[in-house]
Amino acid sequence: PAEEKAQLLQNSEYQERMVESTFLYLTLDLPTAPLYKDEKEQLIIPQVPLFSILAKFNGSTEKEYKTYKENFLKRFQLTRLPPYLIFCIKRFTKNNFFVEKNPTIVNFPIT
């Protein structure tokens, strides 16, 4: 709730901090692949537009990160782009038993 968030922001532990850093590549997270098959009993290969996975860097979307000590939220905002930009799309997730590849297709805009 907004009231509870406002109270927590008064605490020094929950104050927002801004850190600027330079970068050469952006790490993009793919949405998880669906678990179910379609009507023809074939697996659906999902497609996602590039702009939807770039939404992580719009400055308002928050992403939660969990470590063994603490949980925290991060927001990313691009203020200036470098001359060249490399996208690193995270397709592989590591499980306790094996490494799994996400087959999601990323659609790049033509224009």
Protein backbone atom coordinates (compact mmCIF):
# COMPACT_ATOMS: atom_id res chain seq x y z
CA PRO A 1 0.00 0.00 0.00
CA ALA A 2 1.07 3.59 -0.64
CA GLU A 3 0.70 4.65 3.02
CA GLU A 4 2.94 1.85 4.26
CA LYS A 5 5.51 2.60 1.57
CA ALA A 6 5.57 6.28 2.58
CA GLN A 7 6.18 5.32 6.23
CA LEU A 8 9.01 2.95 5.29
CA LEU A 9 10.70 5.60 3.15
CA GLN A 10 11.06 7.75 6.29
CA ASN A 11 13.39 5.09 7.73
CA SER A 12 17.08 5.54 6.79
CA GLU A 13 17.30 1.88 5.77
CA TYR A 14 14.71 2.39 3.02
CA GLN A 15 15.97 5.69 1.59
CA GLU A 16 16.39 5.72 -2.17
CA ARG A 17 19.92 5.98 -3.51
CA MET A 18 20.99 6.85 -7.03
CA VAL A 19 24.16 5.47 -8.58
CA GLU A 20 25.39 6.39 -12.05
CA SER A 21 27.52 3.92 -13.98
CA THR A 22 28.83 3.58 -17.49
CA PHE A 23 28.03 0.50 -19.52
CA LEU A 24 28.86 -1.24 -22.77
CA TYR A 25 26.08 -3.83 -22.81
CA LEU A 26 22.61 -4.28 -21.37
CA THR A 27 21.49 -7.54 -19.80
CA LEU A 28 17.90 -8.28 -20.82
CA ASP A 29 15.66 -10.79 -19.01
CA LEU A 30 13.30 -12.95 -21.06
CA PRO A 31 9.88 -13.86 -19.70
CA THR A 32 9.50 -17.49 -18.76
CA ALA A 33 8.37 -19.91 -21.46
CA PRO A 34 4.87 -21.42 -21.15
CA LEU A 35 4.57 -24.91 -19.72
CA TYR A 36 1.49 -26.02 -21.62
CA LYS A 37 1.04 -27.29 -25.17
CA ASP A 38 -1.35 -25.77 -27.69
CA GLU A 39 -4.41 -27.42 -29.29
CA LYS A 40 -2.31 -29.37 -31.80
CA GLU A 41 -0.27 -30.97 -29.00
CA GLN A 42 2.83 -29.00 -29.96
CA LEU A 43 4.77 -26.70 -27.73
CA ILE A 44 4.18 -23.02 -28.32
CA ILE A 45 7.32 -20.98 -28.91
CA PRO A 46 6.49 -17.55 -27.49
CA GLN A 47 7.50 -14.31 -29.16
CA VAL A 48 8.25 -11.08 -27.34
CA PRO A 49 8.98 -7.64 -28.84
CA LEU A 50 12.32 -6.03 -28.04
CA PHE A 51 10.65 -2.97 -26.52
CA SER A 52 8.88 -5.06 -23.88
CA ILE A 53 12.15 -6.50 -22.54
CA LEU A 54 13.76 -3.06 -22.73
CA ALA A 55 11.01 -1.76 -20.39
CA LYS A 56 13.33 -2.70 -17.52
CA PHE A 57 15.30 0.47 -18.32
CA ASN A 58 12.43 3.00 -18.41
CA GLY A 59 13.14 4.37 -14.92
CA SER A 60 9.80 3.43 -13.38
CA THR A 61 9.76 -0.39 -13.53
CA GLU A 62 11.10 -1.94 -10.32
CA LYS A 63 12.83 -5.30 -10.18
CA GLU A 64 13.30 -7.24 -6.95
CA TYR A 65 16.67 -8.81 -6.24
CA LYS A 66 17.11 -11.38 -3.49
CA THR A 67 20.35 -12.37 -1.82
CA TYR A 68 20.93 -14.65 1.12
CA LYS A 69 21.18 -11.60 3.40
CA GLU A 70 18.62 -9.12 2.11
CA ASN A 71 16.02 -8.20 -0.51
CA PHE A 72 16.09 -4.94 -2.43
CA LEU A 73 14.40 -3.21 -5.36
CA LYS A 74 16.24 -1.63 -8.26
CA ARG A 75 15.12 0.72 -11.01
CA PHE A 76 17.19 1.33 -14.12
CA GLN A 77 17.09 4.39 -16.36
CA LEU A 78 19.09 5.13 -19.48
CA THR A 79 20.12 8.77 -19.59
CA ARG A 80 22.65 8.64 -22.41
CA LEU A 81 23.46 5.89 -24.89
CA PRO A 82 26.99 4.89 -25.90
CA PRO A 83 27.97 4.89 -29.60
CA TYR A 84 27.54 1.10 -29.71
CA LEU A 85 25.17 -0.95 -27.61
CA ILE A 86 25.33 -4.71 -27.05
CA PHE A 87 22.28 -6.64 -25.84
CA CYS A 88 22.96 -9.70 -23.69
CA ILE A 89 19.75 -11.72 -23.60
CA LYS A 90 19.65 -14.13 -20.65
CA ARG A 91 18.35 -17.36 -22.18
CA PHE A 92 19.79 -19.89 -19.76
CA THR A 93 18.60 -20.51 -16.21
CA LYS A 94 20.46 -22.74 -13.82
CA ASN A 95 18.47 -25.21 -11.78
CA ASN A 96 19.65 -27.56 -9.03
CA PHE A 97 19.65 -30.39 -11.54
CA PHE A 98 20.34 -28.96 -15.00
CA VAL A 99 20.66 -25.84 -17.17
CA GLU A 100 17.52 -24.92 -19.12
CA LYS A 101 17.33 -22.82 -22.29
CA ASN A 102 14.46 -20.40 -22.86
CA PRO A 103 13.39 -20.69 -26.55
CA THR A 104 11.50 -17.36 -26.64
CA ILE A 105 11.94 -15.47 -29.91
CA VAL A 106 12.81 -11.76 -29.60
CA ASN A 107 11.28 -9.64 -32.38
CA PHE A 108 13.44 -6.70 -33.43
CA PRO A 109 11.69 -3.74 -35.09
CA ILE A 110 12.59 -3.15 -38.73
CA THR A 111 11.97 0.59 -38.71
